[in-house]
Amino acid sequence: VQLQASGGGLVQPGGSLRLSCVASGSIASIVAMAWYRQAPGEQREMVAVIVGSGTTNYADSVKGRFTISRDIAKNTLYLQMSSLKPEDTAVYYCNTLDNLRRDSWGQGTLVTVSS
């Protein structure tokens, strides 16, 4: 699976941003899609995940502010981010897990929350 993420940028605290990730390749093998992020000097962490049934799960730090969704027809994963905080600043990566438990990663898109 190949992943191409986009949508990052500079946004003020309290603002919103939507990330997109287009998947190509062995789409039918995907069982879960997720967004991760990595802030400078920090470990990469899971932000949100959506599985085949549509069930979602979020990191506590983003619950109620971020929404993960997908458009199956467009092979696209989204992350709608609202009420952004400076601590949300990070490189955001999309990720897929296939039915053989293999991970694929996108190239990352930088989100900077600053006034």
C-alpha atoms as a PDB file:
ATOM      1  CA  VAL A   1       0.000   0.000   0.000  1.00  0.00           C
ATOM      2  CA  GLN A   2       1.266   3.462  -0.890  1.00  0.00           C
ATOM      3  CA  LEU A   3       0.079   6.485   1.057  1.00  0.00           C
ATOM      4  CA  GLN A   4       0.179  10.170   0.185  1.00  0.00           C
ATOM      5  CA  ALA A   5      -0.704  12.603   2.964  1.00  0.00           C
ATOM      6  CA  SER A   6      -1.525  16.275   2.582  1.00  0.00           C
ATOM      7  CA  GLY A   7      -3.246  19.156   4.307  1.00  0.00           C
ATOM      8  CA  GLY A   8      -0.731  20.248   6.905  1.00  0.00           C
ATOM      9  CA  GLY A   9       0.173  23.864   7.513  1.00  0.00           C
ATOM     10  CA  LEU A  10       0.309  26.715   9.980  1.00  0.00           C
ATOM     11  CA  VAL A  11      -2.816  27.425  11.998  1.00  0.00           C
ATOM     12  CA  GLN A  12      -3.560  29.614  15.000  1.00  0.00           C
ATOM     13  CA  PRO A  13      -4.564  28.109  18.344  1.00  0.00           C
ATOM     14  CA  GLY A  14      -8.262  27.325  18.330  1.00  0.00           C
ATOM     15  CA  GLY A  15      -8.266  26.871  14.566  1.00  0.00           C
ATOM     16  CA  SER A  16      -9.112  23.892  12.394  1.00  0.00           C
ATOM     17  CA  LEU A  17      -7.352  21.871   9.748  1.00  0.00           C
ATOM     18  CA  ARG A  18      -8.202  18.768   7.737  1.00  0.00           C
ATOM     19  CA  LEU A  19      -5.594  16.235   6.751  1.00  0.00           C
ATOM     20  CA  SER A  20      -6.078  13.825   3.851  1.00  0.00           C
ATOM     21  CA  CYS A  21      -4.319  10.614   2.935  1.00  0.00           C
ATOM     22  CA  VAL A  22      -4.841   8.877  -0.387  1.00  0.00           C
ATOM     23  CA  ALA A  23      -4.114   5.160  -0.493  1.00  0.00           C
ATOM     24  CA  SER A  24      -3.150   3.178  -3.568  1.00  0.00           C
ATOM     25  CA  GLY A  25      -1.969  -0.324  -4.298  1.00  0.00           C
ATOM     26  CA  SER A  26      -3.374  -3.305  -2.390  1.00  0.00           C
ATOM     27  CA  ILE A  27      -6.388  -1.424  -1.017  1.00  0.00           C
ATOM     28  CA  ALA A  28      -8.467  -4.544  -0.506  1.00  0.00           C
ATOM     29  CA  SER A  29      -5.942  -5.897   2.008  1.00  0.00           C
ATOM     30  CA  ILE A  30      -6.323  -2.955   4.419  1.00  0.00           C
ATOM     31  CA  VAL A  31      -7.949  -3.817   7.758  1.00  0.00           C
ATOM     32  CA  ALA A  32      -7.253  -0.595   9.651  1.00  0.00           C
ATOM     33  CA  MET A  33      -6.203   2.969   8.898  1.00  0.00           C
ATOM     34  CA  ALA A  34      -4.768   5.422  11.375  1.00  0.00           C
ATOM     35  CA  TRP A  35      -3.147   8.758  11.958  1.00  0.00           C
ATOM     36  CA  TYR A  36      -0.004   9.046  14.056  1.00  0.00           C
ATOM     37  CA  ARG A  37       2.002  12.094  14.979  1.00  0.00           C
ATOM     38  CA  GLN A  38       5.513  12.836  16.113  1.00  0.00           C
ATOM     39  CA  ALA A  39       6.480  16.051  17.816  1.00  0.00           C
ATOM     40  CA  PRO A  40      10.127  17.200  17.918  1.00  0.00           C
ATOM     41  CA  GLY A  41      12.071  15.111  20.416  1.00  0.00           C
ATOM     42  CA  GLU A  42       9.085  12.877  21.123  1.00  0.00           C
ATOM     43  CA  GLN A  43       8.049   9.334  20.273  1.00  0.00           C
ATOM     44  CA  ARG A  44       5.564   8.753  17.498  1.00  0.00           C
ATOM     45  CA  GLU A  45       2.095   8.318  18.968  1.00  0.00           C
ATOM     46  CA  MET A  46      -1.230   7.072  17.677  1.00  0.00           C
ATOM     47  CA  VAL A  47      -3.793   9.841  17.261  1.00  0.00           C
ATOM     48  CA  ALA A  48      -6.820   8.061  15.809  1.00  0.00           C
ATOM     49  CA  VAL A  49      -7.656   4.757  14.165  1.00  0.00           C
ATOM     50  CA  ILE A  50     -10.563   3.441  12.106  1.00  0.00           C
ATOM     51  CA  VAL A  51     -11.066  -0.247  11.414  1.00  0.00           C
ATOM     52  CA  GLY A  52     -12.927  -2.050   8.665  1.00  0.00           C
ATOM     53  CA  SER A  53     -16.267  -1.981  10.486  1.00  0.00           C
ATOM     54  CA  GLY A  54     -15.991   1.774  10.870  1.00  0.00           C
ATOM     55  CA  THR A  55     -15.232   1.653  14.569  1.00  0.00           C
ATOM     56  CA  THR A  56     -12.970   4.488  15.663  1.00  0.00           C
ATOM     57  CA  ASN A  57     -10.660   5.082  18.584  1.00  0.00           C
ATOM     58  CA  TYR A  58      -8.792   8.191  19.687  1.00  0.00           C
ATOM     59  CA  ALA A  59      -5.941   9.199  21.902  1.00  0.00           C
ATOM     60  CA  ASP A  60      -7.258  10.840  25.063  1.00  0.00           C
ATOM     61  CA  SER A  61      -5.468  14.060  24.164  1.00  0.00           C
ATOM     62  CA  VAL A  62      -7.561  14.569  21.014  1.00  0.00           C
ATOM     63  CA  LYS A  63     -10.950  13.121  21.983  1.00  0.00           C
ATOM     64  CA  GLY A  64     -13.746  15.543  21.230  1.00  0.00           C
ATOM     65  CA  ARG A  65     -11.484  17.680  19.014  1.00  0.00           C
ATOM     66  CA  PHE A  66     -10.356  15.368  16.213  1.00  0.00           C
ATOM     67  CA  THR A  67     -12.448  13.176  13.939  1.00  0.00           C
ATOM     68  CA  ILE A  68     -11.107  10.377  11.763  1.00  0.00           C
ATOM     69  CA  SER A  69     -13.116   9.335   8.736  1.00  0.00           C
ATOM     70  CA  ARG A  70     -12.687   7.679   5.372  1.00  0.00           C
ATOM     71  CA  ASP A  71     -14.151   7.824   1.900  1.00  0.00           C
ATOM     72  CA  ILE A  72     -13.936   4.269   0.602  1.00  0.00           C
ATOM     73  CA  ALA A  73     -14.850   5.262  -2.941  1.00  0.00           C
ATOM     74  CA  LYS A  74     -11.955   7.720  -3.030  1.00  0.00           C
ATOM     75  CA  ASN A  75      -9.516   5.485  -1.082  1.00  0.00           C
ATOM     76  CA  THR A  76      -8.975   8.464   1.195  1.00  0.00           C
ATOM     77  CA  LEU A  77      -8.508   8.805   4.930  1.00  0.00           C
ATOM     78  CA  TYR A  78      -9.210  12.105   6.684  1.00  0.00           C
ATOM     79  CA  LEU A  79      -8.423  13.697  10.002  1.00  0.00           C
ATOM     80  CA  GLN A  80     -10.545  16.714  10.876  1.00  0.00           C
ATOM     81  CA  MET A  81      -8.799  18.663  13.606  1.00  0.00           C
ATOM     82  CA  SER A  82     -10.566  21.388  15.556  1.00  0.00           C
ATOM     83  CA  SER A  83      -9.777  23.498  18.612  1.00  0.00           C
ATOM     84  CA  LEU A  84      -6.118  23.040  17.833  1.00  0.00           C
ATOM     85  CA  LYS A  85      -3.564  23.633  20.559  1.00  0.00           C
ATOM     86  CA  PRO A  86       0.168  24.391  20.340  1.00  0.00           C
ATOM     87  CA  GLU A  87       0.824  20.913  21.726  1.00  0.00           C
ATOM     88  CA  ASP A  88      -0.791  19.448  18.606  1.00  0.00           C
ATOM     89  CA  THR A  89       2.202  20.671  16.627  1.00  0.00           C
ATOM     90  CA  ALA A  90       3.829  17.647  15.018  1.00  0.00           C
ATOM     91  CA  VAL A  91       4.445  15.775  11.815  1.00  0.00           C
ATOM     92  CA  TYR A  92       1.322  13.734  11.135  1.00  0.00           C
ATOM     93  CA  TYR A  93       1.603  10.373   9.398  1.00  0.00           C
ATOM     94  CA  CYS A  94      -1.086   8.181   7.929  1.00  0.00           C
ATOM     95  CA  ASN A  95      -0.750   4.457   8.450  1.00  0.00           C
ATOM     96  CA  THR A  96      -2.450   1.314   7.255  1.00  0.00           C
ATOM     97  CA  LEU A  97      -2.398  -2.226   8.556  1.00  0.00           C
ATOM     98  CA  ASP A  98      -3.141  -5.029   6.129  1.00  0.00           C
ATOM     99  CA  ASN A  99      -4.496  -8.522   6.611  1.00  0.00           C
ATOM    100  CA  LEU A 100      -0.950  -9.871   6.937  1.00  0.00           C
ATOM    101  CA  ARG A 101      -0.259  -7.408   9.797  1.00  0.00           C
ATOM    102  CA  ARG A 102       2.056  -5.307   7.656  1.00  0.00           C
ATOM    103  CA  ASP A 103       2.326  -1.563   8.249  1.00  0.00           C
ATOM    104  CA  SER A 104       2.521   1.064   5.543  1.00  0.00           C
ATOM    105  CA  TRP A 105       3.370   4.697   6.205  1.00  0.00           C
ATOM    106  CA  GLY A 106       2.834   7.933   4.353  1.00  0.00           C
ATOM    107  CA  GLN A 107       5.533  10.589   4.095  1.00  0.00           C
ATOM    108  CA  GLY A 108       4.165  12.824   6.840  1.00  0.00           C
ATOM    109  CA  THR A 109       2.666  16.299   6.782  1.00  0.00           C
ATOM    110  CA  LEU A 110       3.665  19.055   9.201  1.00  0.00           C
ATOM    111  CA  VAL A 111       1.051  20.744  11.361  1.00  0.00           C
ATOM    112  CA  THR A 112       2.167  23.838  13.249  1.00  0.00           C
ATOM    113  CA  VAL A 113      -0.164  25.470  15.760  1.00  0.00           C
ATOM    114  CA  SER A 114       1.122  28.887  16.670  1.00  0.00           C
ATOM    115  CA  SER A 115       0.024  32.491  16.931  1.00  0.00           C
END
